[in-house]
Amino acid sequence: MVVEDDDPVQNVVEDALAEGGFESAIAASGEEAVTLLRSGAVKYRALVTDINLKGRMTGWEVAKAAREIDPALPVVYMTGAAAAQWSSHGVPNSILLEKPFAPAQLVTAVAQLLNAGGPPPPPA
């Protein structure tokens, strides 16, 4: 899932992920993202979120809500100004990308976090 309220950035992120082989769902606000996550209709494999979002929720809050639903969900934060807050607000198993970043950096970050998760547990 991608949470980004700036259309041009949203398009770059979506295109980069598609070229990297990832299918993404787009949410334009933190509130929309949390609603989609809580619905359980789709099992998202990762969260890519801008930190400074329009609306009431920040990317930090979206990531924390997402982790309440799935504690192992990988998170990639994107920011142009809030990088210094990552150590106090970021969740474990996350990567922060400072804007501007190359689209390949985003794909690499998502792949790295997904691959770090290890194999799924054997069926009971």
PDB file of N, CA and C in Angstrom:
ATOM      1  N   MET A   1       0.842  -1.179   0.000  1.00  0.00           N
ATOM      2  CA  MET A   1       0.000   0.000   0.000  1.00  0.00           C
ATOM      3  C   MET A   1       0.882   1.236   0.000  1.00  0.00           C
ATOM      4  N   VAL A   2       0.500   2.209  -0.808  1.00  0.00           N
ATOM      5  CA  VAL A   2       1.210   3.479  -0.897  1.00  0.00           C
ATOM      6  C   VAL A   2       0.303   4.580  -0.360  1.00  0.00           C
ATOM      7  N   VAL A   3       0.827   5.373   0.581  1.00  0.00           N
ATOM      8  CA  VAL A   3       0.078   6.499   1.126  1.00  0.00           C
ATOM      9  C   VAL A   3       0.838   7.772   0.744  1.00  0.00           C
ATOM     10  N   GLU A   4       0.270   8.514  -0.188  1.00  0.00           N
ATOM     11  CA  GLU A   4       0.911   9.738  -0.695  1.00  0.00           C
ATOM     12  C   GLU A   4      -0.178  10.674  -1.182  1.00  0.00           C
ATOM     13  N   ASP A   5      -0.144  11.929  -0.716  1.00  0.00           N
ATOM     14  CA  ASP A   5      -1.193  12.884  -1.090  1.00  0.00           C
ATOM     15  C   ASP A   5      -0.785  13.831  -2.212  1.00  0.00           C
ATOM     16  N   ASP A   6       0.435  13.732  -2.690  1.00  0.00           N
ATOM     17  CA  ASP A   6       0.908  14.578  -3.785  1.00  0.00           C
ATOM     18  C   ASP A   6       0.854  13.745  -5.071  1.00  0.00           C
ATOM     19  N   ASP A   7      -0.057  14.107  -5.986  1.00  0.00           N
ATOM     20  CA  ASP A   7      -0.286  13.304  -7.192  1.00  0.00           C
ATOM     21  C   ASP A   7       0.973  13.013  -8.007  1.00  0.00           C
ATOM     22  N   PRO A   8       1.832  14.008  -8.290  1.00  0.00           N
ATOM     23  CA  PRO A   8       3.043  13.691  -9.077  1.00  0.00           C
ATOM     24  C   PRO A   8       3.957  12.675  -8.375  1.00  0.00           C
ATOM     25  N   VAL A   9       4.118  12.811  -7.065  1.00  0.00           N
ATOM     26  CA  VAL A   9       4.956  11.857  -6.315  1.00  0.00           C
ATOM     27  C   VAL A   9       4.272  10.492  -6.298  1.00  0.00           C
ATOM     28  N   GLN A  10       2.960  10.501  -6.110  1.00  0.00           N
ATOM     29  CA  GLN A  10       2.185   9.260  -6.116  1.00  0.00           C
ATOM     30  C   GLN A  10       2.399   8.502  -7.427  1.00  0.00           C
ATOM     31  N   ASN A  11       2.376   9.221  -8.542  1.00  0.00           N
ATOM     32  CA  ASN A  11       2.564   8.582  -9.849  1.00  0.00           C
ATOM     33  C   ASN A  11       3.961   8.002  -9.997  1.00  0.00           C
ATOM     34  N   VAL A  12       4.979   8.728  -9.546  1.00  0.00           N
ATOM     35  CA  VAL A  12       6.360   8.238  -9.632  1.00  0.00           C
ATOM     36  C   VAL A  12       6.526   6.980  -8.786  1.00  0.00           C
ATOM     37  N   VAL A  13       5.972   7.004  -7.576  1.00  0.00           N
ATOM     38  CA  VAL A  13       6.083   5.853  -6.675  1.00  0.00           C
ATOM     39  C   VAL A  13       5.361   4.640  -7.264  1.00  0.00           C
ATOM     40  N   GLU A  14       4.148   4.859  -7.749  1.00  0.00           N
ATOM     41  CA  GLU A  14       3.371   3.758  -8.324  1.00  0.00           C
ATOM     42  C   GLU A  14       4.083   3.165  -9.546  1.00  0.00           C
ATOM     43  N   ASP A  15       4.606   4.035 -10.427  1.00  0.00           N
ATOM     44  CA  ASP A  15       5.329   3.557 -11.612  1.00  0.00           C
ATOM     45  C   ASP A  15       6.588   2.786 -11.233  1.00  0.00           C
ATOM     46  N   ALA A  16       7.339   3.308 -10.264  1.00  0.00           N
ATOM     47  CA  ALA A  16       8.577   2.634  -9.834  1.00  0.00           C
ATOM     48  C   ALA A  16       8.274   1.247  -9.279  1.00  0.00           C
ATOM     49  N   LEU A  17       7.255   1.153  -8.449  1.00  0.00           N
ATOM     50  CA  LEU A  17       6.901  -0.148  -7.869  1.00  0.00           C
ATOM     51  C   LEU A  17       6.419  -1.114  -8.947  1.00  0.00           C
ATOM     52  N   ALA A  18       5.628  -0.615  -9.894  1.00  0.00           N
ATOM     53  CA  ALA A  18       5.144  -1.471 -10.982  1.00  0.00           C
ATOM     54  C   ALA A  18       6.314  -1.993 -11.813  1.00  0.00           C
ATOM     55  N   GLU A  19       7.258  -1.109 -12.123  1.00  0.00           N
ATOM     56  CA  GLU A  19       8.433  -1.533 -12.885  1.00  0.00           C
ATOM     57  C   GLU A  19       9.282  -2.524 -12.104  1.00  0.00           C
ATOM     58  N   GLY A  20       9.218  -2.447 -10.764  1.00  0.00           N
ATOM     59  CA  GLY A  20       9.948  -3.384  -9.916  1.00  0.00           C
ATOM     60  C   GLY A  20       9.197  -4.682  -9.680  1.00  0.00           C
ATOM     61  N   GLY A  21       8.002  -4.803 -10.257  1.00  0.00           N
ATOM     62  CA  GLY A  21       7.244  -6.035 -10.134  1.00  0.00           C
ATOM     63  C   GLY A  21       6.242  -6.049  -8.994  1.00  0.00           C
ATOM     64  N   PHE A  22       5.993  -4.887  -8.394  1.00  0.00           N
ATOM     65  CA  PHE A  22       5.060  -4.810  -7.272  1.00  0.00           C
ATOM     66  C   PHE A  22       3.753  -4.167  -7.718  1.00  0.00           C
ATOM     67  N   GLU A  23       2.644  -4.717  -7.241  1.00  0.00           N
ATOM     68  CA  GLU A  23       1.332  -4.121  -7.475  1.00  0.00           C
ATOM     69  C   GLU A  23       1.019  -3.263  -6.261  1.00  0.00           C
ATOM     70  N   SER A  24       0.541  -2.041  -6.481  1.00  0.00           N
ATOM     71  CA  SER A  24       0.292  -1.180  -5.328  1.00  0.00           C
ATOM     72  C   SER A  24      -1.139  -0.667  -5.301  1.00  0.00           C
ATOM     73  N   ALA A  25      -1.638  -0.508  -4.093  1.00  0.00           N
ATOM     74  CA  ALA A  25      -2.911   0.163  -3.854  1.00  0.00           C
ATOM     75  C   ALA A  25      -2.548   1.555  -3.354  1.00  0.00           C
ATOM     76  N   ILE A  26      -3.279   2.562  -3.789  1.00  0.00           N
ATOM     77  CA  ILE A  26      -2.967   3.941  -3.443  1.00  0.00           C
ATOM     78  C   ILE A  26      -4.012   4.495  -2.486  1.00  0.00           C
ATOM     79  N   ALA A  27      -3.536   5.148  -1.429  1.00  0.00           N
ATOM     80  CA  ALA A  27      -4.404   5.892  -0.520  1.00  0.00           C
ATOM     81  C   ALA A  27      -3.888   7.328  -0.502  1.00  0.00           C
ATOM     82  N   ALA A  28      -4.788   8.290  -0.635  1.00  0.00           N
ATOM     83  CA  ALA A  28      -4.392   9.691  -0.703  1.00  0.00           C
ATOM     84  C   ALA A  28      -4.319  10.359   0.666  1.00  0.00           C
ATOM     85  N   SER A  29      -4.707   9.626   1.713  1.00  0.00           N
ATOM     86  CA  SER A  29      -4.640  10.185   3.069  1.00  0.00           C
ATOM     87  C   SER A  29      -4.378   9.063   4.066  1.00  0.00           C
ATOM     88  N   GLY A  30      -3.916   9.455   5.229  1.00  0.00           N
ATOM     89  CA  GLY A  30      -3.690   8.479   6.288  1.00  0.00           C
ATOM     90  C   GLY A  30      -4.980   7.812   6.722  1.00  0.00           C
ATOM     91  N   GLU A  31      -6.035   8.608   6.788  1.00  0.00           N
ATOM     92  CA  GLU A  31      -7.331   8.058   7.204  1.00  0.00           C
ATOM     93  C   GLU A  31      -7.814   6.997   6.226  1.00  0.00           C
ATOM     94  N   GLU A  32      -7.664   7.275   4.924  1.00  0.00           N
ATOM     95  CA  GLU A  32      -8.072   6.304   3.913  1.00  0.00           C
ATOM     96  C   GLU A  32      -7.233   5.028   4.024  1.00  0.00           C
ATOM     97  N   ALA A  33      -5.941   5.183   4.244  1.00  0.00           N
ATOM     98  CA  ALA A  33      -5.049   4.029   4.364  1.00  0.00           C
ATOM     99  C   ALA A  33      -5.440   3.147   5.537  1.00  0.00           C
ATOM    100  N   VAL A  34      -5.687   3.759   6.679  1.00  0.00           N
ATOM    101  CA  VAL A  34      -6.043   2.979   7.872  1.00  0.00           C
ATOM    102  C   VAL A  34      -7.380   2.289   7.677  1.00  0.00           C
ATOM    103  N   THR A  35      -8.327   2.949   7.027  1.00  0.00           N
ATOM    104  CA  THR A  35      -9.620   2.322   6.740  1.00  0.00           C
ATOM    105  C   THR A  35      -9.420   1.079   5.874  1.00  0.00           C
ATOM    106  N   LEU A  36      -8.595   1.198   4.821  1.00  0.00           N
ATOM    107  CA  LEU A  36      -8.328   0.053   3.947  1.00  0.00           C
ATOM    108  C   LEU A  36      -7.609  -1.062   4.711  1.00  0.00           C
ATOM    109  N   LEU A  37      -6.629  -0.709   5.523  1.00  0.00           N
ATOM    110  CA  LEU A  37      -5.893  -1.721   6.295  1.00  0.00           C
ATOM    111  C   LEU A  37      -6.822  -2.447   7.267  1.00  0.00           C
ATOM    112  N   ARG A  38      -7.661  -1.695   7.949  1.00  0.00           N
ATOM    113  CA  ARG A  38      -8.554  -2.294   8.958  1.00  0.00           C
ATOM    114  C   ARG A  38      -9.666  -3.124   8.333  1.00  0.00           C
ATOM    115  N   SER A  39     -10.012  -2.840   7.083  1.00  0.00           N
ATOM    116  CA  SER A  39     -11.097  -3.588   6.444  1.00  0.00           C
ATOM    117  C   SER A  39     -10.732  -5.062   6.290  1.00  0.00           C
ATOM    118  N   GLY A  40      -9.444  -5.334   6.141  1.00  0.00           N
ATOM    119  CA  GLY A  40      -8.999  -6.717   5.984  1.00  0.00           C
ATOM    120  C   GLY A  40      -9.338  -7.311   4.630  1.00  0.00           C
ATOM    121  N   ALA A  41      -9.872  -6.504   3.708  1.00  0.00           N
ATOM    122  CA  ALA A  41     -10.259  -7.013   2.400  1.00  0.00           C
ATOM    123  C   ALA A  41      -9.038  -7.476   1.596  1.00  0.00           C
ATOM    124  N   VAL A  42      -7.907  -6.815   1.824  1.00  0.00           N
ATOM    125  CA  VAL A  42      -6.662  -7.160   1.129  1.00  0.00           C
ATOM    126  C   VAL A  42      -5.569  -7.318   2.166  1.00  0.00           C
ATOM    127  N   LYS A  43      -4.731  -8.328   1.999  1.00  0.00           N
ATOM    128  CA  LYS A  43      -3.574  -8.507   2.880  1.00  0.00           C
ATOM    129  C   LYS A  43      -2.388  -7.828   2.213  1.00  0.00           C
ATOM    130  N   TYR A  44      -2.030  -6.651   2.714  1.00  0.00           N
ATOM    131  CA  TYR A  44      -0.927  -5.894   2.135  1.00  0.00           C
ATOM    132  C   TYR A  44       0.397  -6.469   2.613  1.00  0.00           C
ATOM    133  N   ARG A  45       1.390  -6.489   1.719  1.00  0.00           N
ATOM    134  CA  ARG A  45       2.703  -7.051   2.055  1.00  0.00           C
ATOM    135  C   ARG A  45       3.667  -6.013   2.580  1.00  0.00           C
ATOM    136  N   ALA A  46       3.396  -4.718   2.304  1.00  0.00           N
ATOM    137  CA  ALA A  46       4.266  -3.642   2.765  1.00  0.00           C
ATOM    138  C   ALA A  46       3.490  -2.325   2.733  1.00  0.00           C
ATOM    139  N   LEU A  47       3.997  -1.356   3.495  1.00  0.00           N
ATOM    140  CA  LEU A  47       3.427  -0.019   3.531  1.00  0.00           C
ATOM    141  C   LEU A  47       4.513   0.964   3.113  1.00  0.00           C
ATOM    142  N   VAL A  48       4.190   1.816   2.127  1.00  0.00           N
ATOM    143  CA  VAL A  48       5.067   2.906   1.715  1.00  0.00           C
ATOM    144  C   VAL A  48       4.284   4.172   2.001  1.00  0.00           C
ATOM    145  N   THR A  49       4.782   5.018   2.912  1.00  0.00           N
ATOM    146  CA  THR A  49       4.011   6.195   3.297  1.00  0.00           C
ATOM    147  C   THR A  49       4.860   7.452   3.375  1.00  0.00           C
ATOM    148  N   ASP A  50       4.277   8.532   2.877  1.00  0.00           N
ATOM    149  CA  ASP A  50       4.855   9.842   3.113  1.00  0.00           C
ATOM    150  C   ASP A  50       4.621  10.145   4.592  1.00  0.00           C
ATOM    151  N   ILE A  51       5.471  10.954   5.185  1.00  0.00           N
ATOM    152  CA  ILE A  51       5.298  11.286   6.601  1.00  0.00           C
ATOM    153  C   ILE A  51       4.356  12.461   6.778  1.00  0.00           C
ATOM    154  N   ASN A  52       4.565  13.513   6.003  1.00  0.00           N
ATOM    155  CA  ASN A  52       3.730  14.714   6.123  1.00  0.00           C
ATOM    156  C   ASN A  52       2.576  14.625   5.136  1.00  0.00           C
ATOM    157  N   LEU A  53       1.431  14.216   5.654  1.00  0.00           N
ATOM    158  CA  LEU A  53       0.235  14.023   4.834  1.00  0.00           C
ATOM    159  C   LEU A  53      -0.783  15.110   5.133  1.00  0.00           C
ATOM    160  N   LYS A  54      -1.602  15.431   4.135  1.00  0.00           N
ATOM    161  CA  LYS A  54      -2.730  16.330   4.379  1.00  0.00           C
ATOM    162  C   LYS A  54      -3.749  15.541   5.203  1.00  0.00           C
ATOM    163  N   GLY A  55      -4.473  16.222   6.041  1.00  0.00           N
ATOM    164  CA  GLY A  55      -5.437  15.514   6.884  1.00  0.00           C
ATOM    165  C   GLY A  55      -4.940  15.458   8.312  1.00  0.00           C
ATOM    166  N   ARG A  56      -5.577  14.635   9.105  1.00  0.00           N
ATOM    167  CA  ARG A  56      -5.272  14.591  10.530  1.00  0.00           C
ATOM    168  C   ARG A  56      -4.145  13.632  10.886  1.00  0.00           C
ATOM    169  N   MET A  57      -3.890  12.627  10.046  1.00  0.00           N
ATOM    170  CA  MET A  57      -2.899  11.612  10.386  1.00  0.00           C
ATOM    171  C   MET A  57      -1.577  11.853   9.673  1.00  0.00           C
ATOM    172  N   THR A  58      -0.491  11.562  10.378  1.00  0.00           N
ATOM    173  CA  THR A  58       0.836  11.586   9.766  1.00  0.00           C
ATOM    174  C   THR A  58       1.204  10.177   9.317  1.00  0.00           C
ATOM    175  N   GLY A  59       2.241  10.071   8.539  1.00  0.00           N
ATOM    176  CA  GLY A  59       2.741   8.755   8.145  1.00  0.00           C
ATOM    177  C   GLY A  59       3.190   7.932   9.343  1.00  0.00           C
ATOM    178  N   TRP A  60       3.724   8.619  10.375  1.00  0.00           N
ATOM    179  CA  TRP A  60       4.112   7.900  11.602  1.00  0.00           C
ATOM    180  C   TRP A  60       2.890   7.194  12.182  1.00  0.00           C
ATOM    181  N   GLU A  61       1.758   7.911  12.237  1.00  0.00           N
ATOM    182  CA  GLU A  61       0.534   7.349  12.817  1.00  0.00           C
ATOM    183  C   GLU A  61      -0.033   6.230  11.949  1.00  0.00           C
ATOM    184  N   VAL A  62       0.051   6.382  10.638  1.00  0.00           N
ATOM    185  CA  VAL A  62      -0.410   5.325   9.735  1.00  0.00           C
ATOM    186  C   VAL A  62       0.403   4.056   9.975  1.00  0.00           C
ATOM    187  N   ALA A  63       1.719   4.190  10.079  1.00  0.00           N
ATOM    188  CA  ALA A  63       2.578   3.018  10.293  1.00  0.00           C
ATOM    189  C   ALA A  63       2.270   2.344  11.627  1.00  0.00           C
ATOM    190  N   LYS A  64       2.047   3.134  12.655  1.00  0.00           N
ATOM    191  CA  LYS A  64       1.726   2.541  13.968  1.00  0.00           C
ATOM    192  C   LYS A  64       0.391   1.803  13.922  1.00  0.00           C
ATOM    193  N   ALA A  65      -0.602   2.386  13.243  1.00  0.00           N
ATOM    194  CA  ALA A  65      -1.900   1.714  13.103  1.00  0.00           C
ATOM    195  C   ALA A  65      -1.749   0.436  12.281  1.00  0.00           C
ATOM    196  N   ALA A  66      -0.939   0.500  11.229  1.00  0.00           N
ATOM    197  CA  ALA A  66      -0.718  -0.684  10.390  1.00  0.00           C
ATOM    198  C   ALA A  66      -0.061  -1.793  11.198  1.00  0.00           C
ATOM    199  N   ARG A  67       0.867  -1.434  12.062  1.00  0.00           N
ATOM    200  CA  ARG A  67       1.547  -2.432  12.877  1.00  0.00           C
ATOM    201  C   ARG A  67       0.645  -3.023  13.960  1.00  0.00           C
ATOM    202  N   GLU A  68      -0.394  -2.305  14.358  1.00  0.00           N
ATOM    203  CA  GLU A  68      -1.377  -2.877  15.290  1.00  0.00           C
ATOM    204  C   GLU A  68      -2.140  -3.999  14.599  1.00  0.00           C
ATOM    205  N   ILE A  69      -2.329  -3.869  13.286  1.00  0.00           N
ATOM    206  CA  ILE A  69      -3.042  -4.873  12.500  1.00  0.00           C
ATOM    207  C   ILE A  69      -2.112  -6.026  12.139  1.00  0.00           C
ATOM    208  N   ASP A  70      -0.902  -5.706  11.692  1.00  0.00           N
ATOM    209  CA  ASP A  70       0.097  -6.706  11.302  1.00  0.00           C
ATOM    210  C   ASP A  70       1.454  -6.276  11.847  1.00  0.00           C
ATOM    211  N   PRO A  71       1.869  -6.822  13.000  1.00  0.00           N
ATOM    212  CA  PRO A  71       3.110  -6.394  13.640  1.00  0.00           C
ATOM    213  C   PRO A  71       4.371  -6.582  12.791  1.00  0.00           C
ATOM    214  N   ALA A  72       4.322  -7.424  11.777  1.00  0.00           N
ATOM    215  CA  ALA A  72       5.504  -7.681  10.952  1.00  0.00           C
ATOM    216  C   ALA A  72       5.502  -6.908   9.635  1.00  0.00           C
ATOM    217  N   LEU A  73       4.507  -6.053   9.398  1.00  0.00           N
ATOM    218  CA  LEU A  73       4.396  -5.353   8.122  1.00  0.00           C
ATOM    219  C   LEU A  73       5.606  -4.449   7.891  1.00  0.00           C
ATOM    220  N   PRO A  74       6.332  -4.640   6.788  1.00  0.00           N
ATOM    221  CA  PRO A  74       7.456  -3.755   6.470  1.00  0.00           C
ATOM    222  C   PRO A  74       6.944  -2.353   6.121  1.00  0.00           C
ATOM    223  N   VAL A  75       7.701  -1.331   6.540  1.00  0.00           N
ATOM    224  CA  VAL A  75       7.304   0.050   6.300  1.00  0.00           C
ATOM    225  C   VAL A  75       8.464   0.815   5.668  1.00  0.00           C
ATOM    226  N   VAL A  76       8.159   1.538   4.579  1.00  0.00           N
ATOM    227  CA  VAL A  76       9.104   2.475   3.974  1.00  0.00           C
ATOM    228  C   VAL A  76       8.498   3.860   4.130  1.00  0.00           C
ATOM    229  N   TYR A  77       9.217   4.723   4.823  1.00  0.00           N
ATOM    230  CA  TYR A  77       8.800   6.109   4.987  1.00  0.00           C
ATOM    231  C   TYR A  77       9.458   6.959   3.909  1.00  0.00           C
ATOM    232  N   MET A  78       8.726   7.968   3.412  1.00  0.00           N
ATOM    233  CA  MET A  78       9.275   8.935   2.464  1.00  0.00           C
ATOM    234  C   MET A  78       9.091  10.319   3.083  1.00  0.00           C
ATOM    235  N   THR A  79      10.147  11.140   3.042  1.00  0.00           N
ATOM    236  CA  THR A  79      10.017  12.479   3.608  1.00  0.00           C
ATOM    237  C   THR A  79      11.012  13.441   2.987  1.00  0.00           C
ATOM    238  N   GLY A  80      10.623  14.688   2.993  1.00  0.00           N
ATOM    239  CA  GLY A  80      11.529  15.734   2.568  1.00  0.00           C
ATOM    240  C   GLY A  80      12.026  16.537   3.749  1.00  0.00           C
ATOM    241  N   ALA A  81      11.382  16.373   4.916  1.00  0.00           N
ATOM    242  CA  ALA A  81      11.730  17.233   6.046  1.00  0.00           C
ATOM    243  C   ALA A  81      11.758  16.562   7.410  1.00  0.00           C
ATOM    244  N   ALA A  82      11.232  15.359   7.540  1.00  0.00           N
ATOM    245  CA  ALA A  82      11.064  14.768   8.874  1.00  0.00           C
ATOM    246  C   ALA A  82      12.048  13.639   9.180  1.00  0.00           C
ATOM    247  N   ALA A  83      13.141  13.549   8.444  1.00  0.00           N
ATOM    248  CA  ALA A  83      14.081  12.437   8.621  1.00  0.00           C
ATOM    249  C   ALA A  83      14.655  12.362  10.033  1.00  0.00           C
ATOM    250  N   ALA A  84      14.879  13.499  10.665  1.00  0.00           N
ATOM    251  CA  ALA A  84      15.480  13.504  12.005  1.00  0.00           C
ATOM    252  C   ALA A  84      14.564  12.858  13.048  1.00  0.00           C
ATOM    253  N   GLN A  85      13.286  12.746  12.749  1.00  0.00           N
ATOM    254  CA  GLN A  85      12.329  12.179  13.714  1.00  0.00           C
ATOM    255  C   GLN A  85      12.217  10.662  13.617  1.00  0.00           C
ATOM    256  N   TRP A  86      12.861  10.055  12.612  1.00  0.00           N
ATOM    257  CA  TRP A  86      12.703   8.627  12.379  1.00  0.00           C
ATOM    258  C   TRP A  86      13.061   7.793  13.598  1.00  0.00           C
ATOM    259  N   SER A  87      14.164   8.127  14.263  1.00  0.00           N
ATOM    260  CA  SER A  87      14.602   7.301  15.390  1.00  0.00           C
ATOM    261  C   SER A  87      13.592   7.303  16.532  1.00  0.00           C
ATOM    262  N   SER A  88      12.828   8.375  16.689  1.00  0.00           N
ATOM    263  CA  SER A  88      11.849   8.408  17.775  1.00  0.00           C
ATOM    264  C   SER A  88      10.447   7.991  17.346  1.00  0.00           C
ATOM    265  N   HIS A  89      10.118   8.134  16.069  1.00  0.00           N
ATOM    266  CA  HIS A  89       8.766   7.815  15.599  1.00  0.00           C
ATOM    267  C   HIS A  89       8.681   6.554  14.735  1.00  0.00           C
ATOM    268  N   GLY A  90       9.754   6.199  14.073  1.00  0.00           N
ATOM    269  CA  GLY A  90       9.716   5.077  13.144  1.00  0.00           C
ATOM    270  C   GLY A  90       9.512   3.747  13.849  1.00  0.00           C
ATOM    271  N   VAL A  91       8.926   2.809  13.136  1.00  0.00           N
ATOM    272  CA  VAL A  91       8.710   1.481  13.694  1.00  0.00           C
ATOM    273  C   VAL A  91       9.864   0.565  13.281  1.00  0.00           C
ATOM    274  N   PRO A  92      10.111  -0.526  14.045  1.00  0.00           N
ATOM    275  CA  PRO A  92      11.148  -1.474  13.638  1.00  0.00           C
ATOM    276  C   PRO A  92      10.827  -2.057  12.261  1.00  0.00           C
ATOM    277  N   ASN A  93      11.826  -2.623  11.610  1.00  0.00           N
ATOM    278  CA  ASN A  93      11.657  -3.201  10.271  1.00  0.00           C
ATOM    279  C   ASN A  93      11.148  -2.140   9.303  1.00  0.00           C
ATOM    280  N   SER A  94      11.797  -0.963   9.347  1.00  0.00           N
ATOM    281  CA  SER A  94      11.418   0.117   8.450  1.00  0.00           C
ATOM    282  C   SER A  94      12.658   0.768   7.858  1.00  0.00           C
ATOM    283  N   ILE A  95      12.441   1.458   6.745  1.00  0.00           N
ATOM    284  CA  ILE A  95      13.498   2.199   6.061  1.00  0.00           C
ATOM    285  C   ILE A  95      12.952   3.588   5.775  1.00  0.00           C
ATOM    286  N   LEU A  96      13.808   4.596   5.902  1.00  0.00           N
ATOM    287  CA  LEU A  96      13.410   5.949   5.582  1.00  0.00           C
ATOM    288  C   LEU A  96      14.164   6.421   4.344  1.00  0.00           C
ATOM    289  N   LEU A  97      13.415   6.937   3.369  1.00  0.00           N
ATOM    290  CA  LEU A  97      13.999   7.512   2.161  1.00  0.00           C
ATOM    291  C   LEU A  97      13.759   9.012   2.186  1.00  0.00           C
ATOM    292  N   GLU A  98      14.839   9.774   2.023  1.00  0.00           N
ATOM    293  CA  GLU A  98      14.703  11.225   1.975  1.00  0.00           C
ATOM    294  C   GLU A  98      14.471  11.679   0.542  1.00  0.00           C
ATOM    295  N   LYS A  99      13.459  12.535   0.365  1.00  0.00           N
ATOM    296  CA  LYS A  99      13.161  13.086  -0.949  1.00  0.00           C
ATOM    297  C   LYS A  99      14.189  14.165  -1.264  1.00  0.00           C
ATOM    298  N   PRO A 100      14.609  14.282  -2.488  1.00  0.00           N
ATOM    299  CA  PRO A 100      14.263  13.421  -3.617  1.00  0.00           C
ATOM    300  C   PRO A 100      15.104  12.143  -3.591  1.00  0.00           C
ATOM    301  N   PHE A 101      14.505  11.051  -3.987  1.00  0.00           N
ATOM    302  CA  PHE A 101      15.224   9.775  -4.087  1.00  0.00           C
ATOM    303  C   PHE A 101      14.966   9.201  -5.465  1.00  0.00           C
ATOM    304  N   ALA A 102      15.851   8.323  -5.887  1.00  0.00           N
ATOM    305  CA  ALA A 102      15.688   7.668  -7.188  1.00  0.00           C
ATOM    306  C   ALA A 102      14.629   6.583  -7.057  1.00  0.00           C
ATOM    307  N   PRO A 103      13.780   6.398  -8.070  1.00  0.00           N
ATOM    308  CA  PRO A 103      12.767   5.342  -8.012  1.00  0.00           C
ATOM    309  C   PRO A 103      13.364   3.974  -7.674  1.00  0.00           C
ATOM    310  N   ALA A 104      14.567   3.695  -8.169  1.00  0.00           N
ATOM    311  CA  ALA A 104      15.199   2.399  -7.881  1.00  0.00           C
ATOM    312  C   ALA A 104      15.477   2.233  -6.389  1.00  0.00           C
ATOM    313  N   GLN A 105      15.727   3.334  -5.675  1.00  0.00           N
ATOM    314  CA  GLN A 105      15.958   3.245  -4.236  1.00  0.00           C
ATOM    315  C   GLN A 105      14.705   2.751  -3.516  1.00  0.00           C
ATOM    316  N   LEU A 106      13.550   3.196  -3.976  1.00  0.00           N
ATOM    317  CA  LEU A 106      12.290   2.758  -3.381  1.00  0.00           C
ATOM    318  C   LEU A 106      12.073   1.271  -3.608  1.00  0.00           C
ATOM    319  N   VAL A 107      12.275   0.825  -4.822  1.00  0.00           N
ATOM    320  CA  VAL A 107      12.097  -0.597  -5.147  1.00  0.00           C
ATOM    321  C   VAL A 107      13.070  -1.441  -4.317  1.00  0.00           C
ATOM    322  N   THR A 108      14.309  -0.984  -4.207  1.00  0.00           N
ATOM    323  CA  THR A 108      15.307  -1.706  -3.416  1.00  0.00           C
ATOM    324  C   THR A 108      14.903  -1.777  -1.947  1.00  0.00           C
ATOM    325  N   ALA A 109      14.401  -0.675  -1.400  1.00  0.00           N
ATOM    326  CA  ALA A 109      13.989  -0.639   0.003  1.00  0.00           C
ATOM    327  C   ALA A 109      12.846  -1.617   0.275  1.00  0.00           C
ATOM    328  N   VAL A 110      11.840  -1.615  -0.596  1.00  0.00           N
ATOM    329  CA  VAL A 110      10.701  -2.530  -0.419  1.00  0.00           C
ATOM    330  C   VAL A 110      11.178  -3.978  -0.518  1.00  0.00           C
ATOM    331  N   ALA A 111      11.972  -4.275  -1.540  1.00  0.00           N
ATOM    332  CA  ALA A 111      12.470  -5.649  -1.719  1.00  0.00           C
ATOM    333  C   ALA A 111      13.314  -6.087  -0.534  1.00  0.00           C
ATOM    334  N   GLN A 112      14.164  -5.190  -0.046  1.00  0.00           N
ATOM    335  CA  GLN A 112      15.027  -5.518   1.090  1.00  0.00           C
ATOM    336  C   GLN A 112      14.197  -5.871   2.324  1.00  0.00           C
ATOM    337  N   LEU A 113      13.176  -5.074   2.611  1.00  0.00           N
ATOM    338  CA  LEU A 113      12.340  -5.354   3.785  1.00  0.00           C
ATOM    339  C   LEU A 113      11.528  -6.631   3.617  1.00  0.00           C
ATOM    340  N   LEU A 114      10.994  -6.859   2.423  1.00  0.00           N
ATOM    341  CA  LEU A 114      10.228  -8.083   2.194  1.00  0.00           C
ATOM    342  C   LEU A 114      11.122  -9.326   2.304  1.00  0.00           C
ATOM    343  N   ASN A 115      12.331  -9.242   1.796  1.00  0.00           N
ATOM    344  CA  ASN A 115      13.250 -10.384   1.843  1.00  0.00           C
ATOM    345  C   ASN A 115      13.807 -10.624   3.230  1.00  0.00           C
ATOM    346  N   ALA A 116      13.815  -9.602   4.075  1.00  0.00           N
ATOM    347  CA  ALA A 116      14.339  -9.750   5.431  1.00  0.00           C
ATOM    348  C   ALA A 116      13.373 -10.494   6.340  1.00  0.00           C
ATOM    349  N   GLY A 117      12.127 -10.632   5.890  1.00  0.00           N
ATOM    350  CA  GLY A 117      11.115 -11.266   6.717  1.00  0.00           C
ATOM    351  C   GLY A 117      11.320 -12.747   6.943  1.00  0.00           C
ATOM    352  N   GLY A 118      12.097 -13.386   6.106  1.00  0.00           N
ATOM    353  CA  GLY A 118      12.336 -14.813   6.261  1.00  0.00           C
ATOM    354  C   GLY A 118      11.171 -15.635   5.733  1.00  0.00           C
ATOM    355  N   PRO A 119      11.328 -16.940   5.721  1.00  0.00           N
ATOM    356  CA  PRO A 119      10.270 -17.807   5.189  1.00  0.00           C
ATOM    357  C   PRO A 119       9.065 -17.842   6.118  1.00  0.00           C
ATOM    358  N   PRO A 120       7.888 -18.096   5.587  1.00  0.00           N
ATOM    359  CA  PRO A 120       6.711 -18.201   6.453  1.00  0.00           C
ATOM    360  C   PRO A 120       6.806 -19.452   7.312  1.00  0.00           C
ATOM    361  N   PRO A 121       6.125 -19.440   8.462  1.00  0.00           N
ATOM    362  CA  PRO A 121       6.166 -20.627   9.320  1.00  0.00           C
ATOM    363  C   PRO A 121       5.485 -21.813   8.644  1.00  0.00           C
ATOM    364  N   PRO A 122       5.914 -23.038   8.974  1.00  0.00           N
ATOM    365  CA  PRO A 122       5.280 -24.210   8.375  1.00  0.00           C
ATOM    366  C   PRO A 122       3.831 -24.335   8.842  1.00  0.00           C
ATOM    367  N   PRO A 123       2.971 -24.935   8.013  1.00  0.00           N
ATOM    368  CA  PRO A 123       1.564 -25.098   8.430  1.00  0.00           C
ATOM    369  C   PRO A 123       1.469 -26.010   9.642  1.00  0.00           C
ATOM    370  N   ALA A 124       0.483 -25.733  10.461  1.00  0.00           N
ATOM    371  CA  ALA A 124       0.308 -26.524  11.706  1.00  0.00           C
ATOM    372  C   ALA A 124      -0.361 -27.847  11.406  1.00  0.00           C
TER     373      ALA A 124
END
